Amino acid sequence: MKLLTICEQDAGQRLDKYLSRYLAQAPKGFLYKMMRKKNITLNAKRCEGPEKLRAGDEIRLFFSEETLEKFQGKSLSEAAASQSWDPGRILYEDEHILLFNKPAGMLSQKARESDVSAVEYVLAYLRENGSLTGETYLRFHPSVCNRLDRNTSGLLIVGKSMAGLQAMSSVLKDRSLHKDYRCFVFGHIRESRHIRGWLCKEEAKNQVQIFREERLGGLPVETWYTPLAVLGSGNTKRTLLQVRLVTGRSHQIRAHLASIGCPIIGDYKYGDRRINDFYKKELGISHQLLHAWRLEFGTMEGILSYLSDRQFTAPEPEIFEKVREMSGFADA
């Protein structure tokens, strides 16, 4: 028999969700069957799955050691295997969340089992500093709260506890957390602007289109941008923008800026191939120059109230400085 006692970090989630994490390889039907047969109990009583867990609750698993091992899936060591970590990429950490400066080229989270993503990187860090053990990993897998495209760098929020993950998901949904990006676009932009449109996604191509007028199946999008610097001329003309997302749709910044004739440099999906080839030849740029630069918290309530009105920034990647130095620039 295995006894699991719910701690504060695990509280607030459904019993069946908790069991699905702890016994990651067990079919859901098997878990519900075991609950019905009282091979899984909650506080020594029969349970059904939807129950919300509280600190101090006791779950008993009347399984053999062989059955437990079979259904527990990967250990923390396996999940974080071969991942080295650079403490400089951890920008902030407390008991509930962690802020990670993701480099361009790294997935936010796995798309396939063989992928290595920011999650595995963070797991290696947490294992190394002792804040995540094999037993706690079985109960809760730290995961990202927001996502960035593979070739977009910058701030990722990682939930270290279930309470932190739920609280961050709530503020991301209600838009009380402001997200500011920096990017280099082709062309000269000299005035701040608030642009709106309708976004339609073509699933087969994993690509979106922005329209000025409402379209069937389209989602409204809003983007603010402010020019920080105007550089170059001719084929090298470019503007460093600071962009704030009002809505947060897939590929929103990339497609929205391209729709007004100012695509992000290095973005082959939405940009100008001729211009991108030029920058690739000159500076070796092969991905969009888009960086999740700042998170600005509003008034926070509950478990993350200590983050109220705080701001966090991720240093710009080195390639941004190279683009600045390509020629002289004038402040906008």
Protein backbone atom coordinates (compact mmCIF):
# COMPACT_ATOMS: atom_id res chain seq x y z
CA MET A 1 0.00 0.00 0.00
CA LYS A 2 1.26 3.50 -0.90
CA LEU A 3 0.19 6.48 1.22
CA LEU A 4 0.26 9.94 -0.36
CA THR A 5 -0.32 12.99 1.85
CA ILE A 6 -1.35 16.16 0.03
CA CYS A 7 0.84 19.19 0.75
CA GLU A 8 0.10 22.86 0.11
CA GLN A 9 1.75 22.70 -3.31
CA ASP A 10 -0.57 19.91 -4.44
CA ALA A 11 -3.79 21.35 -2.98
CA GLY A 12 -6.53 22.81 -5.17
CA GLN A 13 -6.47 20.26 -7.98
CA ARG A 14 -8.92 17.48 -8.78
CA LEU A 15 -8.12 14.04 -7.46
CA ASP A 16 -8.28 12.42 -10.92
CA LYS A 17 -5.90 15.04 -12.35
CA TYR A 18 -3.48 14.43 -9.50
CA LEU A 19 -3.62 10.68 -10.04
CA SER A 20 -3.07 11.11 -13.79
CA ARG A 21 0.19 12.89 -13.03
CA TYR A 22 1.35 10.52 -10.31
CA LEU A 23 0.47 7.44 -12.39
CA ALA A 24 1.26 8.96 -15.77
CA GLN A 25 1.22 5.66 -17.69
CA ALA A 26 -2.07 4.37 -16.24
CA PRO A 27 -5.16 4.53 -18.51
CA LYS A 28 -7.85 6.84 -17.12
CA GLY A 29 -10.37 4.01 -17.20
CA PHE A 30 -8.10 1.97 -14.94
CA LEU A 31 -7.89 4.80 -12.40
CA TYR A 32 -11.68 5.23 -12.23
CA LYS A 33 -12.10 1.46 -11.90
CA MET A 34 -9.63 1.37 -9.01
CA MET A 35 -11.53 4.19 -7.29
CA ARG A 36 -14.83 2.36 -7.69
CA LYS A 37 -13.29 -0.82 -6.22
CA LYS A 38 -11.70 1.17 -3.36
CA ASN A 39 -8.20 0.21 -4.46
CA ILE A 40 -7.72 3.98 -4.45
CA THR A 41 -9.25 5.82 -1.49
CA LEU A 42 -9.36 9.43 -0.33
CA ASN A 43 -9.20 9.92 3.44
CA ALA A 44 -10.01 6.20 3.85
CA LYS A 45 -13.27 6.60 1.92
CA ARG A 46 -14.48 5.71 -1.54
CA CYS A 47 -13.82 8.44 -4.11
CA GLU A 48 -14.89 9.22 -7.67
CA GLY A 49 -12.28 11.59 -9.12
CA PRO A 50 -13.73 15.13 -9.21
CA GLU A 51 -12.99 15.78 -5.53
CA LYS A 52 -10.85 18.88 -4.91
CA LEU A 53 -7.77 18.06 -2.86
CA ARG A 54 -6.86 19.94 0.31
CA ALA A 55 -3.63 20.06 2.25
CA GLY A 56 -3.51 17.10 4.63
CA ASP A 57 -5.75 14.82 2.55
CA GLU A 58 -4.57 11.22 2.39
CA ILE A 59 -4.68 9.08 -0.74
CA ARG A 60 -4.08 5.37 -0.38
CA LEU A 61 -3.08 3.22 -3.34
CA PHE A 62 -3.58 -0.46 -2.70
CA PHE A 63 -1.18 -1.55 -5.46
CA SER A 64 1.86 -3.78 -5.55
CA GLU A 65 5.29 -2.17 -5.99
CA GLU A 66 5.46 -3.68 -9.48
CA THR A 67 2.15 -2.05 -10.47
CA LEU A 68 3.25 1.32 -9.11
CA GLU A 69 6.53 1.21 -11.01
CA LYS A 70 4.73 0.17 -14.19
CA PHE A 71 2.35 3.14 -14.12
CA GLN A 72 4.59 5.91 -12.75
CA GLY A 73 6.34 6.61 -16.06
CA LYS A 74 9.55 8.61 -16.30
CA SER A 75 11.44 9.61 -13.22
CA LEU A 76 12.70 13.14 -12.65
CA SER A 77 16.22 11.99 -13.56
CA GLU A 78 15.01 10.61 -16.89
CA ALA A 79 12.95 13.70 -17.70
CA ALA A 80 15.90 16.01 -17.01
CA ALA A 81 18.58 13.67 -18.37
CA SER A 82 21.60 15.22 -20.10
CA GLN A 83 20.33 18.76 -19.67
CA SER A 84 22.87 21.29 -18.47
CA TRP A 85 21.69 24.62 -17.10
CA ASP A 86 22.96 28.15 -16.96
CA PRO A 87 21.79 29.91 -13.77
CA GLY A 88 21.90 33.22 -15.68
CA ARG A 89 18.78 32.18 -17.59
CA ILE A 90 16.76 31.95 -14.36
CA LEU A 91 15.60 35.53 -13.91
CA TYR A 92 13.33 35.06 -10.90
CA GLU A 93 12.26 32.20 -8.66
CA ASP A 94 10.05 31.67 -5.62
CA GLU A 95 8.16 28.66 -4.26
CA HIS A 96 5.34 28.99 -6.83
CA ILE A 97 6.78 30.34 -10.09
CA LEU A 98 10.00 30.69 -12.01
CA LEU A 99 10.86 33.08 -14.86
CA PHE A 100 13.12 31.65 -17.54
CA ASN A 101 14.87 33.54 -20.35
CA LYS A 102 14.34 31.17 -23.29
CA PRO A 103 16.83 31.37 -26.16
CA ALA A 104 15.64 31.36 -29.76
CA GLY A 105 15.60 27.84 -31.19
CA MET A 106 14.31 26.17 -28.02
CA LEU A 107 10.76 24.80 -27.77
CA SER A 108 8.64 26.08 -24.87
CA GLN A 109 7.40 22.54 -24.28
CA LYS A 110 7.59 19.21 -26.05
CA ALA A 111 5.64 18.53 -29.22
CA ARG A 112 6.99 14.97 -29.44
CA GLU A 113 8.43 12.59 -26.85
CA SER A 114 11.91 12.93 -28.35
CA ASP A 115 11.92 16.76 -28.08
CA VAL A 116 14.00 18.68 -25.57
CA SER A 117 12.27 21.87 -24.46
CA ALA A 118 12.50 24.65 -21.89
CA VAL A 119 10.62 22.38 -19.49
CA GLU A 120 13.42 19.80 -19.50
CA TYR A 121 15.96 22.59 -19.02
CA VAL A 122 14.06 23.89 -15.98
CA LEU A 123 13.62 20.38 -14.56
CA ALA A 124 17.39 19.91 -14.68
CA TYR A 125 17.87 23.20 -12.84
CA LEU A 126 15.28 22.36 -10.16
CA ARG A 127 16.74 18.90 -9.68
CA GLU A 128 20.24 20.35 -9.35
CA ASN A 129 19.29 22.96 -6.73
CA GLY A 130 17.26 20.43 -4.73
CA SER A 131 13.90 22.20 -4.92
CA LEU A 132 12.34 19.33 -6.89
CA THR A 133 12.74 15.73 -5.80
CA GLY A 134 11.74 12.53 -7.51
CA GLU A 135 8.73 12.08 -5.22
CA THR A 136 7.40 15.63 -5.69
CA TYR A 137 7.91 15.30 -9.45
CA LEU A 138 5.61 12.29 -9.51
CA ARG A 139 2.90 14.37 -7.84
CA PHE A 140 3.30 17.55 -9.88
CA HIS A 141 5.25 18.25 -13.07
CA PRO A 142 6.38 21.90 -13.31
CA SER A 143 5.19 23.30 -16.63
CA VAL A 144 5.08 26.53 -18.65
CA CYS A 145 2.17 28.92 -18.17
CA ASN A 146 2.70 30.81 -21.44
CA ARG A 147 4.25 29.74 -24.71
CA LEU A 148 6.65 31.37 -27.13
CA ASP A 149 7.29 30.29 -30.70
CA ARG A 150 10.41 28.15 -31.03
CA ASN A 151 12.38 31.00 -32.64
CA THR A 152 11.12 33.72 -30.29
CA SER A 153 13.34 34.39 -27.29
CA GLY A 154 12.53 35.80 -23.89
CA LEU A 155 10.41 35.43 -20.77
CA LEU A 156 8.68 32.15 -20.05
CA ILE A 157 6.65 31.68 -16.87
CA VAL A 158 6.98 28.26 -15.25
CA GLY A 159 4.54 27.05 -12.59
CA LYS A 160 6.52 25.31 -9.82
CA SER A 161 3.40 24.44 -7.82
CA MET A 162 -0.19 23.68 -8.75
CA ALA A 163 -1.32 26.84 -6.93
CA GLY A 164 1.21 28.93 -8.86
CA LEU A 165 0.24 27.38 -12.17
CA GLN A 166 -3.47 27.99 -11.56
CA ALA A 167 -2.95 31.57 -10.39
CA MET A 168 -0.75 32.46 -13.38
CA SER A 169 -3.21 30.84 -15.80
CA SER A 170 -5.92 33.06 -14.33
CA VAL A 171 -4.03 36.35 -14.79
CA LEU A 172 -2.98 35.38 -18.32
CA LYS A 173 -6.62 34.69 -19.16
CA ASP A 174 -8.00 37.93 -17.69
CA ARG A 175 -5.17 39.98 -19.31
CA SER A 176 -4.14 41.67 -16.07
CA LEU A 177 -0.56 40.64 -16.83
CA HIS A 178 0.98 42.89 -19.48
CA LYS A 179 3.48 41.38 -21.93
CA ASP A 180 5.89 43.64 -23.81
CA TYR A 181 8.06 42.44 -26.69
CA ARG A 182 10.91 43.97 -28.65
CA CYS A 183 11.52 43.29 -32.31
CA PHE A 184 13.29 44.64 -35.38
CA VAL A 185 11.01 45.23 -38.35
CA PHE A 186 11.84 46.17 -41.90
CA GLY A 187 10.99 49.79 -42.71
CA HIS A 188 10.87 53.04 -40.79
CA ILE A 189 8.14 53.56 -38.18
CA ARG A 190 8.19 56.92 -36.43
CA GLU A 191 4.91 57.02 -34.48
CA SER A 192 3.26 54.86 -31.84
CA ARG A 193 0.07 53.15 -32.90
CA HIS A 194 -2.74 50.89 -31.68
CA ILE A 195 -3.75 48.47 -34.44
CA ARG A 196 -6.75 46.14 -34.57
CA GLY A 197 -7.86 43.38 -36.87
CA TRP A 198 -9.28 39.89 -37.22
CA LEU A 199 -7.08 36.81 -37.16
CA CYS A 200 -7.90 33.64 -39.09
CA LYS A 201 -5.77 30.52 -38.76
CA GLU A 202 -5.02 28.01 -41.48
CA GLU A 203 -4.35 24.86 -39.47
CA ALA A 204 -2.82 22.86 -42.32
CA LYS A 205 -0.03 25.43 -42.76
CA ASN A 206 0.15 26.54 -39.11
CA GLN A 207 -0.16 30.08 -40.43
CA VAL A 208 -2.51 32.97 -39.75
CA GLN A 209 -3.87 35.91 -41.72
CA ILE A 210 -4.91 39.32 -40.43
CA PHE A 211 -7.90 41.14 -41.91
CA ARG A 212 -9.11 44.65 -41.19
CA GLU A 213 -12.77 43.64 -41.29
CA GLU A 214 -14.48 40.87 -39.33
CA ARG A 215 -14.32 37.45 -40.98
CA LEU A 216 -16.27 34.27 -40.27
CA GLY A 217 -14.28 32.23 -37.76
CA GLY A 218 -11.88 35.11 -37.15
CA LEU A 219 -10.70 36.23 -33.71
CA PRO A 220 -10.25 39.91 -32.78
CA VAL A 221 -6.66 41.03 -32.24
CA GLU A 222 -5.22 44.23 -30.77
CA THR A 223 -1.57 45.27 -30.71
CA TRP A 224 0.20 48.41 -29.47
CA TYR A 225 3.63 49.38 -30.73
CA THR A 226 6.11 52.17 -30.04
CA PRO A 227 9.27 52.85 -32.08
CA LEU A 228 12.44 52.96 -29.99
CA ALA A 229 15.00 53.54 -32.72
CA VAL A 230 15.05 54.04 -36.50
CA LEU A 231 18.11 52.71 -38.32
CA GLY A 232 19.66 52.49 -41.77
CA SER A 233 18.31 53.23 -45.22
CA GLY A 234 17.51 51.37 -48.43
CA ASN A 235 17.68 47.60 -47.96
CA THR A 236 18.97 48.10 -44.42
CA LYS A 237 16.19 50.36 -43.14
CA ARG A 238 14.76 48.98 -39.93
CA THR A 239 13.01 50.00 -36.74
CA LEU A 240 13.36 48.67 -33.23
CA LEU A 241 9.83 48.40 -31.85
CA GLN A 242 8.42 47.80 -28.41
CA VAL A 243 5.16 45.90 -28.76
CA ARG A 244 2.45 45.27 -26.18
CA LEU A 245 -0.08 42.52 -26.73
CA VAL A 246 -3.65 43.37 -25.79
CA THR A 247 -4.88 40.03 -27.08
CA GLY A 248 -2.53 37.06 -27.21
CA ARG A 249 -3.23 35.01 -30.34
CA SER A 250 -0.99 32.55 -32.15
CA HIS A 251 1.64 34.39 -34.27
CA GLN A 252 -0.20 37.67 -33.55
CA ILE A 253 2.77 40.05 -33.47
CA ARG A 254 4.44 38.51 -36.52
CA ALA A 255 1.32 38.49 -38.68
CA HIS A 256 -0.05 41.82 -37.46
CA LEU A 257 3.13 43.75 -38.20
CA ALA A 258 3.48 42.03 -41.59
CA SER A 259 -0.10 43.04 -42.43
CA ILE A 260 0.83 46.75 -42.16
CA GLY A 261 3.89 46.31 -44.38
CA CYS A 262 6.52 46.10 -41.64
CA PRO A 263 7.40 42.42 -41.19
CA ILE A 264 9.82 41.28 -38.51
CA ILE A 265 13.34 40.81 -39.86
CA GLY A 266 14.29 37.14 -40.12
CA ASP A 267 10.67 35.92 -40.24
CA TYR A 268 10.49 33.72 -43.34
CA LYS A 269 6.88 32.71 -42.69
CA TYR A 270 5.38 36.21 -42.69
CA GLY A 271 8.21 38.40 -43.94
CA ASP A 272 10.03 39.36 -47.13
CA ARG A 273 12.38 36.59 -48.34
CA ARG A 274 14.64 39.01 -50.22
CA ILE A 275 15.17 41.18 -47.14
CA ASN A 276 15.56 38.16 -44.86
CA ASP A 277 18.16 36.65 -47.19
CA PHE A 278 20.09 39.92 -47.05
CA TYR A 279 20.23 39.92 -43.24
CA LYS A 280 21.04 36.21 -43.19
CA LYS A 281 24.02 36.83 -45.48
CA GLU A 282 25.24 39.89 -43.58
CA LEU A 283 24.66 38.79 -39.96
CA GLY A 284 23.73 35.10 -40.08
CA ILE A 285 20.14 35.80 -38.98
CA SER A 286 17.90 32.80 -39.66
CA HIS A 287 15.01 33.40 -37.24
CA GLN A 288 12.62 36.24 -36.45
CA LEU A 289 14.12 39.01 -34.29
CA LEU A 290 11.32 38.89 -31.70
CA HIS A 291 12.03 38.90 -27.97
CA ALA A 292 9.59 38.65 -25.02
CA TRP A 293 11.21 41.47 -23.09
CA ARG A 294 9.05 42.41 -20.09
CA LEU A 295 6.26 41.14 -17.82
CA GLU A 296 4.31 43.75 -15.88
CA PHE A 297 2.05 42.49 -13.10
CA GLY A 298 -1.03 44.43 -12.00
CA THR A 299 -2.75 44.10 -8.64
CA MET A 300 -2.48 40.45 -7.69
CA GLU A 301 -4.70 38.72 -5.17
CA GLY A 302 -4.41 35.44 -3.33
CA ILE A 303 -1.30 33.31 -3.29
CA LEU A 304 0.69 35.53 -5.71
CA SER A 305 -0.26 38.87 -4.11
CA TYR A 306 3.45 39.54 -3.42
CA LEU A 307 3.95 40.03 -7.17
CA SER A 308 1.58 43.03 -7.32
CA ASP A 309 2.91 45.87 -9.51
CA ARG A 310 6.25 44.18 -10.09
CA GLN A 311 8.07 44.15 -13.43
CA PHE A 312 10.59 41.67 -14.80
CA THR A 313 12.72 42.01 -17.94
CA ALA A 314 14.83 39.61 -19.98
CA PRO A 315 18.02 41.09 -21.49
CA GLU A 316 17.90 41.39 -25.25
CA PRO A 317 19.80 38.66 -27.11
CA GLU A 318 23.25 39.56 -28.48
CA ILE A 319 22.02 39.58 -32.09
CA PHE A 320 19.96 42.70 -31.31
CA GLU A 321 23.14 44.65 -30.61
CA LYS A 322 24.68 43.41 -33.85
CA VAL A 323 21.65 44.67 -35.76
CA ARG A 324 21.96 48.04 -34.01
CA GLU A 325 25.64 48.28 -34.96
CA MET A 326 25.10 47.42 -38.60
CA SER A 327 25.01 51.15 -39.21
CA GLY A 328 24.42 54.33 -37.22
CA PHE A 329 20.95 54.98 -35.87
CA ALA A 330 18.84 57.87 -34.72
CA ASP A 331 16.48 57.76 -31.72
CA ALA A 332 12.82 57.79 -32.69
